[in-house]
Protein backbone atom coordinates (compact mmCIF):
# COMPACT_ATOMS: atom_id res chain seq x y z
CA MET A 1 118.41 -141.89 -97.97
CA VAL A 2 118.77 -145.07 -100.00
CA ASP A 3 121.52 -147.31 -98.63
CA ILE A 4 122.99 -149.87 -101.03
CA THR A 5 125.47 -151.43 -98.58
CA SER A 6 123.14 -154.33 -97.67
CA HIS A 7 124.29 -156.20 -100.79
CA GLN A 8 127.90 -155.87 -99.68
CA GLN A 9 127.00 -157.13 -96.22
CA ALA A 10 125.33 -160.18 -97.78
CA ASN A 11 128.44 -160.83 -99.84
CA ASP A 12 130.63 -160.55 -96.74
CA LYS A 13 128.45 -163.08 -94.94
CA SER A 14 128.56 -165.54 -97.84
CA SER A 15 132.36 -165.18 -98.10
CA ARG A 16 132.95 -166.31 -94.53
CA PRO A 17 132.69 -170.06 -95.28
CA ARG A 18 135.13 -169.54 -98.15
CA GLU A 19 137.60 -167.84 -95.82
CA TRP A 20 137.22 -170.51 -93.11
CA ILE A 21 137.67 -173.39 -95.51
CA SER A 22 140.63 -171.70 -97.19
CA ARG A 23 142.41 -171.37 -93.86
CA PHE A 24 141.52 -174.94 -92.93
CA VAL A 25 142.86 -176.31 -96.23
CA LEU A 26 146.08 -174.31 -96.00
CA GLY A 27 146.52 -175.57 -92.45
CA MET A 28 146.16 -179.12 -93.75
CA ALA A 29 148.78 -178.35 -96.41
CA GLY A 30 151.16 -177.15 -93.71
CA GLU A 31 150.62 -180.33 -91.70
CA THR A 32 151.20 -182.40 -94.84
CA LEU A 33 154.55 -180.68 -95.33
CA PHE A 34 155.47 -181.54 -91.73
CA LEU A 35 154.23 -185.11 -92.25
CA MET A 36 156.47 -185.55 -95.31
CA ALA A 37 159.47 -184.30 -93.34
CA LEU A 38 158.57 -186.69 -90.54
CA GLY A 39 158.33 -189.54 -93.05
CA SER A 40 161.76 -188.62 -94.38
CA ALA A 41 163.16 -188.72 -90.85
CA THR A 42 161.55 -192.12 -90.32
CA ARG A 43 163.20 -193.49 -93.45
CA VAL A 44 166.62 -191.93 -92.83
CA MET A 45 166.69 -193.21 -89.24
CA ASN A 46 165.82 -196.75 -90.45
CA ALA A 47 162.58 -196.61 -88.48
CA GLY A 48 160.22 -197.68 -91.27
CA LEU A 49 159.73 -201.11 -89.69
CA ALA A 50 160.14 -200.03 -86.07
CA CYS A 51 156.48 -200.99 -85.63
CA PRO A 52 156.35 -204.48 -87.17
CA ASP A 53 152.56 -204.61 -87.41
CA TRP A 54 149.82 -202.32 -88.77
CA PRO A 55 147.69 -200.38 -87.90
CA LEU A 56 148.70 -200.88 -84.27
CA CYS A 57 152.28 -200.88 -83.02
CA TYR A 58 153.31 -204.06 -81.23
CA GLY A 59 149.63 -204.83 -80.94
CA VAL A 60 148.78 -201.73 -78.89
CA LEU A 61 147.79 -198.16 -79.58
CA VAL A 62 150.74 -196.67 -77.64
CA PRO A 63 153.76 -199.01 -77.36
CA GLN A 64 155.13 -197.69 -74.06
CA LYS A 65 157.32 -200.73 -73.31
CA GLN A 66 159.01 -200.75 -76.72
CA MET A 67 159.27 -196.98 -77.06
CA ASN A 68 162.58 -195.59 -78.32
CA LEU A 69 163.52 -193.00 -80.94
CA GLN A 70 162.85 -195.27 -83.92
CA VAL A 71 159.56 -196.59 -82.57
CA PHE A 72 158.48 -193.05 -81.68
CA LEU A 73 159.19 -191.77 -85.20
CA GLU A 74 157.16 -194.51 -86.86
CA TRP A 75 154.36 -194.34 -84.28
CA PHE A 76 154.11 -190.54 -84.42
CA HIS A 77 154.19 -190.62 -88.21
CA ARG A 78 151.18 -192.94 -88.21
CA LEU A 79 149.39 -190.84 -85.60
CA THR A 80 149.84 -187.65 -87.62
CA ALA A 81 148.74 -189.41 -90.81
CA SER A 82 145.59 -190.63 -89.05
CA SER A 83 144.70 -187.09 -88.01
CA MET A 84 145.11 -186.01 -91.64
CA GLY A 85 142.52 -188.59 -92.63
CA LEU A 86 140.05 -187.13 -90.14
CA PHE A 87 140.76 -183.63 -91.44
CA ALA A 88 140.14 -184.77 -95.03
CA ILE A 89 136.75 -186.22 -94.04
CA THR A 90 135.91 -182.96 -92.26
CA LEU A 91 136.92 -180.94 -95.31
CA PHE A 92 134.70 -183.05 -97.54
CA GLY A 93 131.76 -182.55 -95.20
CA LEU A 94 132.29 -178.79 -94.96
CA CYS A 95 132.50 -178.39 -98.71
CA LEU A 96 129.23 -180.27 -99.15
CA TRP A 97 127.50 -178.29 -96.40
CA TYR A 98 128.59 -174.90 -97.75
CA ARG A 99 128.53 -175.84 -101.43
CA ARG A 100 126.15 -172.97 -102.28
CA GLU A 101 128.57 -170.40 -100.88
CA LEU A 102 131.66 -171.97 -102.50
CA PRO A 103 132.86 -172.30 -106.10
CA LYS A 104 131.37 -175.30 -107.91
CA TRP A 105 134.74 -177.05 -108.11
CA THR A 106 135.25 -177.09 -104.32
CA PRO A 107 133.34 -180.34 -103.50
CA TRP A 108 135.17 -182.07 -106.34
CA ILE A 109 138.61 -181.02 -105.11
CA ALA A 110 137.61 -182.10 -101.59
CA SER A 111 136.59 -185.49 -103.01
CA LEU A 112 139.98 -185.78 -104.72
CA ALA A 113 141.76 -184.93 -101.48
CA LEU A 114 139.74 -187.56 -99.59
CA PHE A 115 140.53 -190.18 -102.25
CA LEU A 116 144.25 -189.36 -102.13
CA VAL A 117 144.43 -189.59 -98.33
CA ILE A 118 142.65 -192.98 -98.38
CA PHE A 119 144.98 -194.24 -101.10
CA GLN A 120 147.91 -192.87 -99.13
CA GLY A 121 146.78 -194.80 -96.07
CA ILE A 122 146.69 -198.02 -98.12
CA LEU A 123 150.21 -197.36 -99.39
CA GLY A 124 151.35 -196.65 -95.84
CA ALA A 125 150.05 -200.03 -94.73
CA LEU A 126 151.73 -201.76 -97.68
CA THR A 127 155.09 -200.19 -96.88
CA VAL A 128 155.01 -202.15 -93.62
CA THR A 129 153.44 -205.40 -94.81
CA GLU A 130 155.65 -205.49 -97.93
CA LEU A 131 158.79 -204.68 -95.90
CA LEU A 132 159.57 -201.26 -97.41
CA ARG A 133 159.42 -202.35 -101.05
CA PHE A 134 161.02 -199.51 -102.99
CA ASP A 135 158.23 -198.95 -105.53
CA ILE A 136 155.60 -198.72 -102.79
CA VAL A 137 157.77 -196.34 -100.75
CA THR A 138 158.25 -194.15 -103.84
CA ALA A 139 154.51 -194.18 -104.61
CA HIS A 140 153.88 -193.28 -100.96
CA LEU A 141 155.90 -190.07 -101.30
CA GLY A 142 154.52 -189.31 -104.76
CA THR A 143 150.95 -189.52 -103.49
CA ALA A 144 151.82 -187.36 -100.48
CA LEU A 145 153.14 -184.69 -102.82
CA LEU A 146 149.98 -184.88 -104.96
CA PHE A 147 147.89 -184.50 -101.81
CA PHE A 148 150.00 -181.52 -100.78
CA ILE A 149 149.61 -179.90 -104.22
CA THR A 150 145.85 -180.48 -104.21
CA LEU A 151 145.39 -178.87 -100.80
CA LEU A 152 147.67 -175.95 -101.59
CA SER A 153 146.00 -175.24 -104.93
CA ALA A 154 142.53 -175.27 -103.38
CA GLY A 155 143.54 -173.11 -100.43
CA VAL A 156 145.26 -170.50 -102.60
CA ALA A 157 142.40 -170.46 -105.11
CA LEU A 158 139.95 -169.67 -102.29
CA GLN A 159 142.07 -166.84 -100.91
CA PRO A 160 141.08 -163.24 -101.75
CA TYR A 161 143.40 -161.99 -104.47
CA GLN A 162 143.15 -159.01 -106.81
CA GLY A 163 145.60 -159.39 -109.67
CA ASN A 164 146.69 -156.69 -112.07
CA GLY A 165 146.88 -158.67 -115.32
CA THR A 166 150.68 -158.56 -115.72
CA ALA A 167 151.58 -162.23 -115.18
CA GLY A 168 151.22 -163.19 -118.83
CA ARG A 169 152.97 -166.45 -119.69
CA LEU A 170 154.64 -166.67 -116.30
CA SER A 171 151.80 -168.97 -115.21
CA TRP A 172 152.89 -171.57 -117.77
CA VAL A 173 156.56 -171.19 -116.86
CA ALA A 174 155.70 -171.76 -113.21
CA ALA A 175 153.59 -174.80 -114.09
CA ILE A 176 156.45 -176.32 -116.09
CA ALA A 177 158.86 -175.63 -113.23
CA ALA A 178 156.47 -177.30 -110.76
CA ILE A 179 156.19 -180.39 -112.97
CA CYS A 180 159.99 -180.60 -113.25
CA VAL A 181 160.44 -180.29 -109.48
CA TYR A 182 157.76 -182.93 -108.86
CA ALA A 183 159.46 -185.34 -111.26
CA GLN A 184 162.80 -184.62 -109.60
CA SER A 185 161.24 -185.39 -106.22
CA ILE A 186 160.07 -188.77 -107.50
CA LEU A 187 163.59 -189.54 -108.78
CA GLY A 188 164.94 -188.54 -105.38
CA ALA A 189 162.46 -190.91 -103.73
CA LEU A 190 163.71 -193.74 -105.94
CA VAL A 191 167.29 -192.98 -104.92
CA GLY A 192 166.36 -192.91 -101.24
CA SER A 193 164.09 -195.97 -101.23
CA GLN A 194 166.76 -198.10 -102.91
CA TRP A 195 169.72 -196.51 -101.10
CA ALA A 196 171.10 -196.00 -104.61
CA LEU A 197 173.86 -193.61 -103.51
CA HIS A 198 175.31 -196.15 -101.08
CA GLN A 199 174.94 -198.96 -103.62
CA CYS A 200 176.64 -196.97 -106.39
CA LEU A 201 179.55 -195.83 -104.25
CA SER A 202 180.12 -199.24 -102.67
CA ASP A 203 179.76 -201.72 -105.55
CA SER A 204 178.76 -199.59 -108.58
CA THR A 205 175.18 -200.86 -108.69
CA LEU A 206 172.11 -198.66 -109.19
CA CYS A 207 174.33 -195.87 -110.50
CA GLY A 208 171.77 -195.30 -113.27
CA VAL A 209 169.12 -194.45 -110.68
CA MET A 210 171.43 -192.04 -108.90
CA ASN A 211 172.63 -190.43 -112.13
CA SER A 212 169.04 -189.89 -113.30
CA HIS A 213 168.39 -187.86 -110.15
CA ILE A 214 171.56 -185.84 -110.74
CA ALA A 215 170.56 -185.22 -114.38
CA GLY A 216 167.08 -184.21 -113.26
CA VAL A 217 168.56 -181.21 -111.50
CA VAL A 218 169.13 -179.52 -114.88
CA PRO A 219 165.53 -179.08 -116.15
CA ALA A 220 164.19 -178.26 -112.69
CA THR A 221 166.92 -175.65 -112.17
CA LEU A 222 166.55 -174.08 -115.62
CA ALA A 223 162.77 -173.84 -115.32
CA THR A 224 162.90 -172.27 -111.85
CA LEU A 225 165.65 -169.82 -112.80
CA THR A 226 163.68 -168.85 -115.93
CA LEU A 227 160.69 -168.09 -113.75
CA THR A 228 162.75 -166.03 -111.30
CA GLY A 229 164.55 -164.08 -114.02
CA TRP A 230 161.41 -163.47 -116.06
CA ALA A 231 159.58 -162.24 -112.97
CA LEU A 232 162.39 -159.78 -112.20
CA ARG A 233 162.15 -158.39 -115.74
CA THR A 234 158.34 -158.11 -115.74
CA PRO A 235 157.30 -154.53 -114.95
CA ALA A 236 154.42 -153.91 -112.53
CA LEU A 237 154.24 -157.59 -111.59
CA HIS A 238 151.99 -158.16 -108.60
CA PRO A 239 154.07 -157.92 -105.39
CA SER A 240 152.88 -161.34 -104.21
CA LEU A 241 154.05 -162.97 -107.43
CA ARG A 242 157.39 -161.16 -107.29
CA ARG A 243 157.98 -162.31 -103.70
CA LEU A 244 157.07 -165.89 -104.59
CA ALA A 245 159.45 -165.88 -107.57
CA ASN A 246 162.29 -164.56 -105.42
CA PHE A 247 161.51 -167.13 -102.73
CA ALA A 248 161.57 -169.91 -105.31
CA GLY A 249 165.02 -168.80 -106.47
CA SER A 250 166.31 -168.75 -102.89
CA LEU A 251 164.92 -172.20 -102.15
CA LEU A 252 166.48 -173.53 -105.35
CA VAL A 253 169.94 -172.35 -104.32
CA LEU A 254 169.50 -173.85 -100.85
CA GLN A 255 168.21 -177.12 -102.29
CA ILE A 256 171.19 -177.49 -104.62
CA ALA A 257 173.58 -176.76 -101.76
CA LEU A 258 171.89 -179.38 -99.58
CA GLY A 259 172.00 -181.90 -102.43
CA VAL A 260 175.73 -181.39 -102.94
CA ALA A 261 176.35 -181.64 -99.20
CA THR A 262 174.36 -184.88 -98.82
CA PHE A 263 176.23 -186.37 -101.79
CA LYS A 264 179.67 -185.35 -100.53
CA LEU A 265 178.90 -186.63 -97.03
CA ARG A 266 177.35 -189.84 -98.42
CA LEU A 267 174.08 -189.36 -96.52
CA GLN A 268 175.90 -189.66 -93.20
CA VAL A 269 174.30 -186.50 -91.75
CA GLU A 270 170.61 -187.34 -91.30
CA THR A 271 169.47 -183.75 -90.76
CA LEU A 272 170.87 -182.71 -94.15
CA THR A 273 169.00 -185.50 -95.90
CA ILE A 274 165.74 -184.63 -94.15
CA ALA A 275 166.20 -180.93 -94.93
CA HIS A 276 166.93 -181.78 -98.58
CA GLN A 277 163.55 -183.45 -99.01
CA ALA A 278 161.68 -180.84 -96.96
CA ILE A 279 163.13 -177.91 -98.94
CA GLY A 280 162.28 -179.72 -102.18
CA ALA A 281 158.65 -180.00 -101.08
CA MET A 282 158.64 -176.34 -100.06
CA LEU A 283 160.00 -175.33 -103.47
CA LEU A 284 157.26 -177.35 -105.14
CA GLY A 285 154.68 -175.63 -102.93
CA VAL A 286 155.95 -172.15 -103.81
CA LEU A 287 155.87 -172.94 -107.52
CA VAL A 288 152.32 -174.31 -107.27
CA THR A 289 151.21 -171.22 -105.34
CA PHE A 290 152.75 -168.96 -107.98
CA THR A 291 151.04 -170.96 -110.73
CA VAL A 292 147.58 -170.68 -109.18
CA LEU A 293 147.89 -166.94 -108.50
CA ALA A 294 149.37 -166.27 -111.93
CA PHE A 295 146.49 -168.03 -113.67
CA ARG A 296 144.08 -165.97 -111.56
CA ASP A 297 146.03 -162.88 -112.58
CA MET A 298 145.57 -163.76 -116.27
CA GLY A 299 141.79 -163.63 -115.85
CA VAL A 300 141.74 -160.07 -114.48
CA SER A 301 139.54 -157.58 -116.31
CA GLU A 302 138.21 -154.15 -115.54
CA THR A 303 135.04 -155.67 -114.11
CA ASP A 304 137.14 -157.42 -111.46
CA VAL A 305 138.19 -154.14 -109.84
CA PRO A 306 136.31 -153.79 -106.55
CA ILE A 307 133.88 -150.87 -106.35
CA LYS A 308 133.17 -149.23 -103.03
CA SER A 309 129.49 -149.28 -102.10
CA ILE A 310 128.05 -145.90 -101.10
CA SER A 311 124.62 -144.56 -100.39
CA LEU A 312 122.61 -142.58 -102.94
CA ASP A 313 122.91 -139.37 -100.90
CA GLU A 314 126.72 -139.77 -100.82
CA ALA A 315 126.78 -140.25 -104.57
CA ILE A 316 124.76 -137.07 -105.13
CA ALA A 317 127.02 -135.10 -102.80
CA SER A 318 130.22 -136.31 -104.47
CA PRO A 319 132.04 -134.24 -107.14
CA VAL A 320 131.76 -135.53 -110.70
CA ASP A 321 134.44 -134.91 -113.36
CA GLY A 322 136.08 -132.33 -111.16
CA GLN A 323 132.89 -130.24 -110.78
CA PRO A 324 131.39 -129.58 -107.34
CA ALA A 325 127.94 -131.07 -106.74
């Protein structure tokens, strides 16, 4: 009997590094989402300068004597960011070590992630030394979102996925929606870093910044709703894509509700403000995930359909065209 399953076993062995690295990258993306929420809490609680020096805090690694809620938020934010730097170095090393078992683009995306986390660390230091200058704070969040998108895209692209070729132009709609949400997040960062809502309501200054964020809701909402509606009307759409589209629509509704609540309450409820930024990042992540999977779905052909490996004796014994062997 001739057994042809050895080739499949070799493929399974070579796919293990891809699976490990995919899980590792997605784990990093999850920690980045938590880190952005933690950074939002640090800003909202006025803890951005709770540690007046950098990289240490009050000249020590763990400021036990000065520890309070604000100091803890800033200190823990730095600690988590430092661990992300170590993870990025590890990812780069793993992608180089297993480069023969991984797609050719993997070392390059790992290099980009490492560059972004280094640049992010520099911006983090400047936010302290430059006393929370608004443009640096905004760039800090913008780079964090780019890092998050990079990790998520790589992790999803390495995941096993068998599309059915029904996504069509939905990939482009999702990409446009993701760009709109990213731009809206940057506008939101400008509002937050300059306290534009408080300034506008108190003495009518910086109202242009606040109004630009309000106006930015329109394209982001229309693009996301178009994606959700189009997905609902697309027959035989892959279940994963349909779930992601529905999830994006749900997050959009929640995000708008949180935005209205934070505006009406004039940012007085810190948890609402933190949730508003966190849900915005989650919405961006869902749209990016949909985009990557939809583009993979567009490349599906008949040759992509997995074929079960069987032995030669099993093939001879199997019926062909309805006739017994």
